[in-house]
Amino acid sequence: MIPISYDQRMEIPTLAHSPNFKYPVVLNDGLVIEAVYYGSGTLCISSQAGCALACPFCASGSQGLKRQLTAAEMQLQLEKLRQSGRDPRRLTISGIGEPLHNWENVRSFMVDRHKQGLGVSVTTTGVVIRYLEELINLAGNGVMISLHAARPEIHRQLIPNGPDFRLLCAEIERIYPLLSRRQRRKIGINYLLFSGVNDQKDDLLALQKLMQHWQDFTLHLLRYNPVAEMDFHSNPDKMDQWHDHLQEKGISVRRPNRWRNSAEGGCGTLFLRGLDRNEERNSA
């Protein structure tokens, strides 16, 4: 295990600041990951230093995957927050990285937090399909599956190194009847709306058909928080139109809450930093 530490100079904002904030955690090898604390009481934890999925809209994977985080390094993100005087009510492994690409360490972290009575939810693309059922059964606070598309060709465009869309949907179909209704209601489907990419009429109808197969799941329509040098954005009018249409069709659908709409709370905005210093050290 790599020893862990953090730079005391990189402090968490004081309580006087916005209730939503990102904060850095410096690891012993010089890599700097980010976590997010939401004013709702949820701490969003990173599971990898970087990400291998290569989503073109996401800052977190813009430099590729550098390495896995240990369970201790995930715990470090929680401990640093606690040192600021805050103690989150909930944890979500939804920050930098794909949790199923680091499943052994993520599972270890989740089991330990469960023993301490702290519930954990997880956001995943479902990329390692064989782990999805185990994840759903372990994540007491639920699982968010980031599809961001309802058609295979758009899914591949948005998540180039993600799972095969048809195989993932087939696995969800297999798992669905094995779950209790209570478990199903804790599963969400994430759909970031991108103007001109996945927000056309064909996309809406395909998404409607998909969600009608999974009646107990909740669809989360998400607004994209802009990232520098990434040419993606969301149309708020389209968000409202889709929400109203899908709701009329009997689908459980939500728009982003005020915490997620914050510039400090959007999907794909966490950066891996400190690479220059690390790379210089490795080449010395």
C-alpha atoms as a PDB file:
ATOM      1  CA  MET A   1       0.000   0.000   0.000  1.00  0.00           C
ATOM      2  CA  ILE A   2       1.256   3.482  -0.892  1.00  0.00           C
ATOM      3  CA  PRO A   3       1.643   5.696   2.207  1.00  0.00           C
ATOM      4  CA  ILE A   4      -0.804   8.600   2.168  1.00  0.00           C
ATOM      5  CA  SER A   5      -0.536  12.161   3.283  1.00  0.00           C
ATOM      6  CA  TYR A   6      -1.896  15.558   2.306  1.00  0.00           C
ATOM      7  CA  ASP A   7      -0.643  19.087   2.049  1.00  0.00           C
ATOM      8  CA  GLN A   8      -1.793  21.062   5.086  1.00  0.00           C
ATOM      9  CA  ARG A   9      -1.651  24.259   3.022  1.00  0.00           C
ATOM     10  CA  MET A  10      -4.542  23.124   0.810  1.00  0.00           C
ATOM     11  CA  GLU A  11      -7.337  23.817   3.254  1.00  0.00           C
ATOM     12  CA  ILE A  12     -11.077  23.220   3.042  1.00  0.00           C
ATOM     13  CA  PRO A  13     -13.189  26.407   2.840  1.00  0.00           C
ATOM     14  CA  THR A  14     -14.454  27.781   6.133  1.00  0.00           C
ATOM     15  CA  LEU A  15     -18.053  27.386   7.218  1.00  0.00           C
ATOM     16  CA  ALA A  16     -18.726  30.922   6.009  1.00  0.00           C
ATOM     17  CA  HIS A  17     -18.271  29.805   2.401  1.00  0.00           C
ATOM     18  CA  SER A  18     -20.878  28.293   0.075  1.00  0.00           C
ATOM     19  CA  PRO A  19     -22.288  25.019   1.453  1.00  0.00           C
ATOM     20  CA  ASN A  20     -21.165  23.321  -1.797  1.00  0.00           C
ATOM     21  CA  PHE A  21     -17.432  23.117  -2.369  1.00  0.00           C
ATOM     22  CA  LYS A  22     -14.696  21.058  -3.951  1.00  0.00           C
ATOM     23  CA  TYR A  23     -11.522  20.442  -2.026  1.00  0.00           C
ATOM     24  CA  PRO A  24      -8.149  18.904  -2.932  1.00  0.00           C
ATOM     25  CA  VAL A  25      -6.523  15.912  -1.321  1.00  0.00           C
ATOM     26  CA  VAL A  26      -2.807  15.585  -2.017  1.00  0.00           C
ATOM     27  CA  LEU A  27      -1.492  12.027  -2.085  1.00  0.00           C
ATOM     28  CA  ASN A  28       1.972  10.915  -1.127  1.00  0.00           C
ATOM     29  CA  ASP A  29       3.101  10.497  -4.736  1.00  0.00           C
ATOM     30  CA  GLY A  30       2.190  14.084  -5.633  1.00  0.00           C
ATOM     31  CA  LEU A  31      -1.126  13.402  -7.343  1.00  0.00           C
ATOM     32  CA  VAL A  32      -3.961  15.697  -6.273  1.00  0.00           C
ATOM     33  CA  ILE A  33      -7.499  14.358  -6.400  1.00  0.00           C
ATOM     34  CA  GLU A  34     -10.672  16.296  -5.608  1.00  0.00           C
ATOM     35  CA  ALA A  35     -13.750  15.533  -3.528  1.00  0.00           C
ATOM     36  CA  VAL A  36     -17.001  17.507  -3.272  1.00  0.00           C
ATOM     37  CA  TYR A  37     -19.079  18.281  -0.208  1.00  0.00           C
ATOM     38  CA  TYR A  38     -22.720  19.126  -0.931  1.00  0.00           C
ATOM     39  CA  GLY A  39     -24.671  21.408   1.341  1.00  0.00           C
ATOM     40  CA  SER A  40     -27.299  18.667   1.524  1.00  0.00           C
ATOM     41  CA  GLY A  41     -24.872  16.707   3.720  1.00  0.00           C
ATOM     42  CA  THR A  42     -23.425  14.358   1.105  1.00  0.00           C
ATOM     43  CA  LEU A  43     -19.710  13.846   0.502  1.00  0.00           C
ATOM     44  CA  CYS A  44     -18.770  12.824  -3.041  1.00  0.00           C
ATOM     45  CA  ILE A  45     -15.593  10.719  -2.996  1.00  0.00           C
ATOM     46  CA  SER A  46     -13.171   9.896  -5.828  1.00  0.00           C
ATOM     47  CA  SER A  47     -12.168   6.269  -6.431  1.00  0.00           C
ATOM     48  CA  GLN A  48      -9.303   6.662  -8.915  1.00  0.00           C
ATOM     49  CA  ALA A  49      -6.557   9.095  -9.831  1.00  0.00           C
ATOM     50  CA  GLY A  50      -7.912   9.873 -13.269  1.00  0.00           C
ATOM     51  CA  CYS A  51     -10.198   7.694 -15.372  1.00  0.00           C
ATOM     52  CA  ALA A  52      -9.866   5.385 -18.368  1.00  0.00           C
ATOM     53  CA  LEU A  53     -13.343   5.917 -19.854  1.00  0.00           C
ATOM     54  CA  ALA A  54     -12.278   8.886 -22.045  1.00  0.00           C
ATOM     55  CA  CYS A  55     -15.669  10.617 -21.963  1.00  0.00           C
ATOM     56  CA  PRO A  56     -15.194  13.744 -24.114  1.00  0.00           C
ATOM     57  CA  PHE A  57     -17.254  15.945 -21.788  1.00  0.00           C
ATOM     58  CA  CYS A  58     -15.552  14.981 -18.512  1.00  0.00           C
ATOM     59  CA  ALA A  59     -12.636  16.779 -16.860  1.00  0.00           C
ATOM     60  CA  SER A  60     -11.944  13.844 -14.551  1.00  0.00           C
ATOM     61  CA  GLY A  61     -10.618  11.589 -17.316  1.00  0.00           C
ATOM     62  CA  SER A  62      -8.982  14.249 -19.461  1.00  0.00           C
ATOM     63  CA  GLN A  63      -5.507  13.018 -18.495  1.00  0.00           C
ATOM     64  CA  GLY A  64      -6.320   9.326 -18.551  1.00  0.00           C
ATOM     65  CA  LEU A  65      -5.970   6.924 -15.633  1.00  0.00           C
ATOM     66  CA  LYS A  66      -2.855   7.303 -13.492  1.00  0.00           C
ATOM     67  CA  ARG A  67      -3.605   4.688 -10.834  1.00  0.00           C
ATOM     68  CA  GLN A  68      -6.183   3.187  -8.498  1.00  0.00           C
ATOM     69  CA  LEU A  69      -6.891   4.713  -5.100  1.00  0.00           C
ATOM     70  CA  THR A  70      -6.616   2.463  -2.070  1.00  0.00           C
ATOM     71  CA  ALA A  71      -9.462   2.136   0.412  1.00  0.00           C
ATOM     72  CA  ALA A  72      -7.315   4.190   2.812  1.00  0.00           C
ATOM     73  CA  GLU A  73      -7.046   6.995   0.258  1.00  0.00           C
ATOM     74  CA  MET A  74     -10.819   7.036  -0.110  1.00  0.00           C
ATOM     75  CA  GLN A  75     -11.106   7.218   3.674  1.00  0.00           C
ATOM     76  CA  LEU A  76      -8.610  10.092   3.662  1.00  0.00           C
ATOM     77  CA  GLN A  77     -11.091  12.225   1.704  1.00  0.00           C
ATOM     78  CA  LEU A  78     -13.631  11.707   4.473  1.00  0.00           C
ATOM     79  CA  GLU A  79     -11.121  12.386   7.239  1.00  0.00           C
ATOM     80  CA  LYS A  80      -9.975  15.639   5.673  1.00  0.00           C
ATOM     81  CA  LEU A  81     -13.568  16.882   5.597  1.00  0.00           C
ATOM     82  CA  ARG A  82     -14.070  15.894   9.234  1.00  0.00           C
ATOM     83  CA  GLN A  83     -11.008  17.911  10.195  1.00  0.00           C
ATOM     84  CA  SER A  84     -12.872  21.016   9.022  1.00  0.00           C
ATOM     85  CA  GLY A  85     -15.621  20.386  11.567  1.00  0.00           C
ATOM     86  CA  ARG A  86     -18.096  18.796   9.156  1.00  0.00           C
ATOM     87  CA  ASP A  87     -19.374  15.231   9.360  1.00  0.00           C
ATOM     88  CA  PRO A  88     -21.370  14.130   6.297  1.00  0.00           C
ATOM     89  CA  ARG A  89     -24.635  12.291   6.660  1.00  0.00           C
ATOM     90  CA  ARG A  90     -24.130  10.337   3.443  1.00  0.00           C
ATOM     91  CA  LEU A  91     -21.286   9.221   1.195  1.00  0.00           C
ATOM     92  CA  THR A  92     -21.377   8.741  -2.542  1.00  0.00           C
ATOM     93  CA  ILE A  93     -18.542   7.292  -4.610  1.00  0.00           C
ATOM     94  CA  SER A  94     -19.247   9.485  -7.588  1.00  0.00           C
ATOM     95  CA  GLY A  95     -16.141  11.605  -7.999  1.00  0.00           C
ATOM     96  CA  ILE A  96     -13.080  11.078 -10.173  1.00  0.00           C
ATOM     97  CA  GLY A  97     -12.865   7.588 -11.648  1.00  0.00           C
ATOM     98  CA  GLU A  98     -15.024   4.586 -12.461  1.00  0.00           C
ATOM     99  CA  PRO A  99     -15.675   2.590  -9.252  1.00  0.00           C
ATOM    100  CA  LEU A 100     -16.032  -0.754 -11.026  1.00  0.00           C
ATOM    101  CA  HIS A 101     -12.534  -0.371 -12.479  1.00  0.00           C
ATOM    102  CA  ASN A 102     -11.296  -0.340  -8.873  1.00  0.00           C
ATOM    103  CA  TRP A 103     -13.826  -2.750  -7.455  1.00  0.00           C
ATOM    104  CA  GLU A 104     -11.732  -4.537  -4.827  1.00  0.00           C
ATOM    105  CA  ASN A 105     -10.720  -1.300  -3.096  1.00  0.00           C
ATOM    106  CA  VAL A 106     -14.162   0.274  -3.508  1.00  0.00           C
ATOM    107  CA  ARG A 107     -15.850  -2.813  -2.062  1.00  0.00           C
ATOM    108  CA  SER A 108     -13.456  -2.816   0.916  1.00  0.00           C
ATOM    109  CA  PHE A 109     -14.178   0.849   1.598  1.00  0.00           C
ATOM    110  CA  MET A 110     -17.951   0.320   1.363  1.00  0.00           C
ATOM    111  CA  VAL A 111     -17.931  -2.692   3.704  1.00  0.00           C
ATOM    112  CA  ASP A 112     -15.940  -0.775   6.325  1.00  0.00           C
ATOM    113  CA  ARG A 113     -18.245   2.255   6.131  1.00  0.00           C
ATOM    114  CA  HIS A 114     -21.290  -0.008   6.451  1.00  0.00           C
ATOM    115  CA  LYS A 115     -19.870  -1.429   9.668  1.00  0.00           C
ATOM    116  CA  GLN A 116     -19.623   2.146  10.961  1.00  0.00           C
ATOM    117  CA  GLY A 117     -23.266   2.791  10.082  1.00  0.00           C
ATOM    118  CA  LEU A 118     -22.513   5.231   7.263  1.00  0.00           C
ATOM    119  CA  GLY A 119     -24.474   4.466   4.101  1.00  0.00           C
ATOM    120  CA  VAL A 120     -22.789   4.653   0.716  1.00  0.00           C
ATOM    121  CA  SER A 121     -24.172   5.132  -2.782  1.00  0.00           C
ATOM    122  CA  VAL A 122     -22.197   4.656  -5.991  1.00  0.00           C
ATOM    123  CA  THR A 123     -22.301   6.132  -9.478  1.00  0.00           C
ATOM    124  CA  THR A 124     -21.059   3.892 -12.284  1.00  0.00           C
ATOM    125  CA  THR A 125     -21.247   3.453 -16.037  1.00  0.00           C
ATOM    126  CA  GLY A 126     -21.624  -0.275 -15.402  1.00  0.00           C
ATOM    127  CA  VAL A 127     -18.458  -0.866 -17.392  1.00  0.00           C
ATOM    128  CA  VAL A 128     -17.475  -4.121 -15.637  1.00  0.00           C
ATOM    129  CA  ILE A 129     -20.837  -5.756 -16.129  1.00  0.00           C
ATOM    130  CA  ARG A 130     -20.105  -8.847 -14.034  1.00  0.00           C
ATOM    131  CA  TYR A 131     -19.774  -6.689 -10.882  1.00  0.00           C
ATOM    132  CA  LEU A 132     -23.018  -4.765 -11.306  1.00  0.00           C
ATOM    133  CA  GLU A 133     -25.299  -7.131  -9.396  1.00  0.00           C
ATOM    134  CA  GLU A 134     -22.883  -7.364  -6.460  1.00  0.00           C
ATOM    135  CA  LEU A 135     -22.597  -3.576  -6.383  1.00  0.00           C
ATOM    136  CA  ILE A 136     -26.370  -3.132  -6.302  1.00  0.00           C
ATOM    137  CA  ASN A 137     -26.696  -5.588  -3.418  1.00  0.00           C
ATOM    138  CA  LEU A 138     -23.882  -3.952  -1.454  1.00  0.00           C
ATOM    139  CA  ALA A 139     -24.701  -0.272  -1.941  1.00  0.00           C
ATOM    140  CA  GLY A 140     -27.258   0.333   0.784  1.00  0.00           C
ATOM    141  CA  ASN A 141     -27.977   3.885  -0.334  1.00  0.00           C
ATOM    142  CA  GLY A 142     -28.399   2.961  -3.969  1.00  0.00           C
ATOM    143  CA  VAL A 143     -26.667   2.946  -7.335  1.00  0.00           C
ATOM    144  CA  MET A 144     -26.727   5.521 -10.092  1.00  0.00           C
ATOM    145  CA  ILE A 145     -26.073   4.091 -13.558  1.00  0.00           C
ATOM    146  CA  SER A 146     -24.757   6.747 -15.926  1.00  0.00           C
ATOM    147  CA  LEU A 147     -26.125   5.942 -19.378  1.00  0.00           C
ATOM    148  CA  HIS A 148     -26.297   9.457 -20.855  1.00  0.00           C
ATOM    149  CA  ALA A 149     -27.803   7.897 -23.971  1.00  0.00           C
ATOM    150  CA  ALA A 150     -30.643   5.628 -25.022  1.00  0.00           C
ATOM    151  CA  ARG A 151     -29.180   4.599 -28.372  1.00  0.00           C
ATOM    152  CA  PRO A 152     -26.015   2.472 -28.762  1.00  0.00           C
ATOM    153  CA  GLU A 153     -24.273   4.763 -31.236  1.00  0.00           C
ATOM    154  CA  ILE A 154     -24.727   7.837 -29.016  1.00  0.00           C
ATOM    155  CA  HIS A 155     -23.671   5.877 -25.931  1.00  0.00           C
ATOM    156  CA  ARG A 156     -20.411   4.868 -27.639  1.00  0.00           C
ATOM    157  CA  GLN A 157     -19.822   8.475 -28.680  1.00  0.00           C
ATOM    158  CA  LEU A 158     -20.251   9.796 -25.134  1.00  0.00           C
ATOM    159  CA  ILE A 159     -18.580   6.920 -23.230  1.00  0.00           C
ATOM    160  CA  PRO A 160     -15.968   5.591 -25.701  1.00  0.00           C
ATOM    161  CA  ASN A 161     -14.386   3.085 -23.314  1.00  0.00           C
ATOM    162  CA  GLY A 162     -17.590   2.206 -21.505  1.00  0.00           C
ATOM    163  CA  PRO A 163     -19.627  -0.999 -21.575  1.00  0.00           C
ATOM    164  CA  ASP A 164     -21.398  -2.364 -24.618  1.00  0.00           C
ATOM    165  CA  PHE A 165     -24.773  -0.611 -24.444  1.00  0.00           C
ATOM    166  CA  ARG A 166     -26.852  -3.622 -25.440  1.00  0.00           C
ATOM    167  CA  LEU A 167     -25.036  -5.985 -23.061  1.00  0.00           C
ATOM    168  CA  LEU A 168     -25.408  -3.529 -20.187  1.00  0.00           C
ATOM    169  CA  CYS A 169     -29.140  -3.126 -20.800  1.00  0.00           C
ATOM    170  CA  ALA A 170     -29.504  -6.911 -21.036  1.00  0.00           C
ATOM    171  CA  GLU A 171     -27.764  -7.303 -17.659  1.00  0.00           C
ATOM    172  CA  ILE A 172     -30.041  -4.701 -16.083  1.00  0.00           C
ATOM    173  CA  GLU A 173     -33.026  -6.586 -17.519  1.00  0.00           C
ATOM    174  CA  ARG A 174     -31.690  -9.801 -15.961  1.00  0.00           C
ATOM    175  CA  ILE A 175     -31.096  -8.248 -12.552  1.00  0.00           C
ATOM    176  CA  TYR A 176     -34.338  -6.237 -12.383  1.00  0.00           C
ATOM    177  CA  PRO A 177     -36.746  -9.066 -11.409  1.00  0.00           C
ATOM    178  CA  LEU A 178     -34.261 -10.394  -8.835  1.00  0.00           C
ATOM    179  CA  LEU A 179     -34.462  -7.190  -6.803  1.00  0.00           C
ATOM    180  CA  SER A 180     -37.035  -6.193  -4.242  1.00  0.00           C
ATOM    181  CA  ARG A 181     -39.105  -3.138  -5.057  1.00  0.00           C
ATOM    182  CA  ARG A 182     -37.254  -1.297  -2.288  1.00  0.00           C
ATOM    183  CA  GLN A 183     -33.926  -2.044  -3.996  1.00  0.00           C
ATOM    184  CA  ARG A 184     -35.261  -1.016  -7.389  1.00  0.00           C
ATOM    185  CA  ARG A 185     -36.414   2.317  -6.054  1.00  0.00           C
ATOM    186  CA  LYS A 186     -32.839   3.037  -4.962  1.00  0.00           C
ATOM    187  CA  ILE A 187     -31.511   2.684  -8.502  1.00  0.00           C
ATOM    188  CA  GLY A 188     -31.283   5.721 -10.724  1.00  0.00           C
ATOM    189  CA  ILE A 189     -30.423   6.253 -14.368  1.00  0.00           C
ATOM    190  CA  ASN A 190     -28.312   9.333 -15.037  1.00  0.00           C
ATOM    191  CA  TYR A 191     -28.831  11.198 -18.296  1.00  0.00           C
ATOM    192  CA  LEU A 192     -26.774  14.320 -18.938  1.00  0.00           C
ATOM    193  CA  LEU A 193     -28.564  16.338 -21.614  1.00  0.00           C
ATOM    194  CA  PHE A 194     -26.170  17.583 -24.299  1.00  0.00           C
ATOM    195  CA  SER A 195     -27.514  20.015 -26.869  1.00  0.00           C
ATOM    196  CA  GLY A 196     -27.425  18.580 -30.367  1.00  0.00           C
ATOM    197  CA  VAL A 197     -25.949  15.278 -29.190  1.00  0.00           C
ATOM    198  CA  ASN A 198     -28.451  13.248 -27.161  1.00  0.00           C
ATOM    199  CA  ASP A 199     -31.466  15.563 -26.877  1.00  0.00           C
ATOM    200  CA  GLN A 200     -33.259  14.936 -30.163  1.00  0.00           C
ATOM    201  CA  LYS A 201     -36.749  13.473 -30.601  1.00  0.00           C
ATOM    202  CA  ASP A 202     -35.374   9.996 -31.404  1.00  0.00           C
ATOM    203  CA  ASP A 203     -33.350  10.112 -28.185  1.00  0.00           C
ATOM    204  CA  LEU A 204     -36.409  11.063 -26.144  1.00  0.00           C
ATOM    205  CA  LEU A 205     -38.538   8.266 -27.576  1.00  0.00           C
ATOM    206  CA  ALA A 206     -35.758   5.705 -27.093  1.00  0.00           C
ATOM    207  CA  LEU A 207     -35.270   6.832 -23.495  1.00  0.00           C
ATOM    208  CA  GLN A 208     -39.007   6.653 -22.841  1.00  0.00           C
ATOM    209  CA  LYS A 209     -39.132   3.087 -24.144  1.00  0.00           C
ATOM    210  CA  LEU A 210     -36.118   2.079 -22.061  1.00  0.00           C
ATOM    211  CA  MET A 211     -37.446   3.542 -18.814  1.00  0.00           C
ATOM    212  CA  GLN A 212     -40.845   1.935 -19.310  1.00  0.00           C
ATOM    213  CA  HIS A 213     -39.038  -1.410 -18.937  1.00  0.00           C
ATOM    214  CA  TRP A 214     -37.643  -0.260 -15.575  1.00  0.00           C
ATOM    215  CA  GLN A 215     -40.717   1.305 -13.994  1.00  0.00           C
ATOM    216  CA  ASP A 216     -39.330   1.347 -10.442  1.00  0.00           C
ATOM    217  CA  PHE A 217     -36.082   3.119 -11.381  1.00  0.00           C
ATOM    218  CA  THR A 218     -35.807   6.907 -11.252  1.00  0.00           C
ATOM    219  CA  LEU A 219     -34.515   8.825 -14.243  1.00  0.00           C
ATOM    220  CA  HIS A 220     -32.282  11.775 -13.378  1.00  0.00           C
ATOM    221  CA  LEU A 221     -32.075  14.380 -16.122  1.00  0.00           C
ATOM    222  CA  LEU A 222     -28.892  16.312 -15.423  1.00  0.00           C
ATOM    223  CA  ARG A 223     -27.626  19.690 -16.558  1.00  0.00           C
ATOM    224  CA  TYR A 224     -24.064  19.839 -17.813  1.00  0.00           C
ATOM    225  CA  ASN A 225     -21.797  22.165 -15.853  1.00  0.00           C
ATOM    226  CA  PRO A 226     -19.369  23.607 -18.433  1.00  0.00           C
ATOM    227  CA  VAL A 227     -15.723  22.563 -18.382  1.00  0.00           C
ATOM    228  CA  ALA A 228     -13.086  24.739 -20.039  1.00  0.00           C
ATOM    229  CA  GLU A 229     -12.101  23.615 -23.560  1.00  0.00           C
ATOM    230  CA  MET A 230     -14.954  21.093 -23.753  1.00  0.00           C
ATOM    231  CA  ASP A 231     -17.626  22.091 -26.242  1.00  0.00           C
ATOM    232  CA  PHE A 232     -20.732  20.742 -24.530  1.00  0.00           C
ATOM    233  CA  HIS A 233     -23.728  22.474 -22.979  1.00  0.00           C
ATOM    234  CA  SER A 234     -27.319  21.804 -21.899  1.00  0.00           C
ATOM    235  CA  ASN A 235     -30.489  23.537 -23.027  1.00  0.00           C
ATOM    236  CA  PRO A 236     -32.667  24.282 -19.965  1.00  0.00           C
ATOM    237  CA  ASP A 237     -35.810  24.558 -22.122  1.00  0.00           C
ATOM    238  CA  LYS A 238     -35.189  21.077 -23.507  1.00  0.00           C
ATOM    239  CA  MET A 239     -34.704  19.833 -19.947  1.00  0.00           C
ATOM    240  CA  ASP A 240     -38.170  21.099 -18.977  1.00  0.00           C
ATOM    241  CA  GLN A 241     -39.782  19.685 -22.119  1.00  0.00           C
ATOM    242  CA  TRP A 242     -38.280  16.242 -21.594  1.00  0.00           C
ATOM    243  CA  HIS A 243     -39.183  16.213 -17.916  1.00  0.00           C
ATOM    244  CA  ASP A 244     -42.819  17.064 -18.580  1.00  0.00           C
ATOM    245  CA  HIS A 245     -43.155  14.594 -21.457  1.00  0.00           C
ATOM    246  CA  LEU A 246     -41.634  11.673 -19.537  1.00  0.00           C
ATOM    247  CA  GLN A 247     -43.623  12.451 -16.413  1.00  0.00           C
ATOM    248  CA  GLU A 248     -46.824  12.376 -18.468  1.00  0.00           C
ATOM    249  CA  LYS A 249     -45.817   8.904 -19.667  1.00  0.00           C
ATOM    250  CA  GLY A 250     -45.710   7.672 -16.082  1.00  0.00           C
ATOM    251  CA  ILE A 251     -41.937   7.643 -15.699  1.00  0.00           C
ATOM    252  CA  SER A 252     -40.359   8.653 -12.381  1.00  0.00           C
ATOM    253  CA  VAL A 253     -38.147  11.510 -13.549  1.00  0.00           C
ATOM    254  CA  ARG A 254     -36.284  14.258 -11.736  1.00  0.00           C
ATOM    255  CA  ARG A 255     -34.461  17.407 -12.699  1.00  0.00           C
ATOM    256  CA  PRO A 256     -31.209  18.356 -10.932  1.00  0.00           C
ATOM    257  CA  ASN A 257     -31.589  19.815  -7.459  1.00  0.00           C
ATOM    258  CA  ARG A 258     -29.980  23.097  -6.462  1.00  0.00           C
ATOM    259  CA  TRP A 259     -26.911  21.328  -5.112  1.00  0.00           C
ATOM    260  CA  ARG A 260     -26.194  19.672  -8.469  1.00  0.00           C
ATOM    261  CA  ASN A 261     -26.915  22.864 -10.412  1.00  0.00           C
ATOM    262  CA  SER A 262     -24.201  24.670  -8.484  1.00  0.00           C
ATOM    263  CA  ALA A 263     -20.936  25.279 -10.351  1.00  0.00           C
ATOM    264  CA  GLU A 264     -19.263  23.351  -7.504  1.00  0.00           C
ATOM    265  CA  GLY A 265     -21.535  20.360  -7.855  1.00  0.00           C
ATOM    266  CA  GLY A 266     -21.818  19.368 -11.486  1.00  0.00           C
ATOM    267  CA  CYS A 267     -20.981  16.034 -13.055  1.00  0.00           C
ATOM    268  CA  GLY A 268     -17.570  15.649 -14.617  1.00  0.00           C
ATOM    269  CA  THR A 269     -16.023  18.829 -13.210  1.00  0.00           C
ATOM    270  CA  LEU A 270     -13.493  17.276 -10.805  1.00  0.00           C
ATOM    271  CA  PHE A 271      -9.877  17.478 -11.928  1.00  0.00           C
ATOM    272  CA  LEU A 272      -6.849  15.345 -11.277  1.00  0.00           C
ATOM    273  CA  ARG A 273      -4.002  17.747 -10.532  1.00  0.00           C
ATOM    274  CA  GLY A 274      -0.387  17.809  -9.426  1.00  0.00           C
ATOM    275  CA  LEU A 275       0.783  15.768 -12.400  1.00  0.00           C
ATOM    276  CA  ASP A 276       3.562  18.098 -13.508  1.00  0.00           C
ATOM    277  CA  ARG A 277       5.306  17.835 -10.145  1.00  0.00           C
ATOM    278  CA  ASN A 278       4.828  14.088 -10.068  1.00  0.00           C
ATOM    279  CA  GLU A 279       6.068  13.528 -13.615  1.00  0.00           C
ATOM    280  CA  GLU A 280       9.113  15.699 -12.986  1.00  0.00           C
ATOM    281  CA  ARG A 281       9.956  13.569  -9.931  1.00  0.00           C
ATOM    282  CA  ASN A 282       9.557  10.325 -11.878  1.00  0.00           C
ATOM    283  CA  SER A 283      11.837  11.532 -14.665  1.00  0.00           C
ATOM    284  CA  ALA A 284      14.553  12.819 -12.328  1.00  0.00           C
END
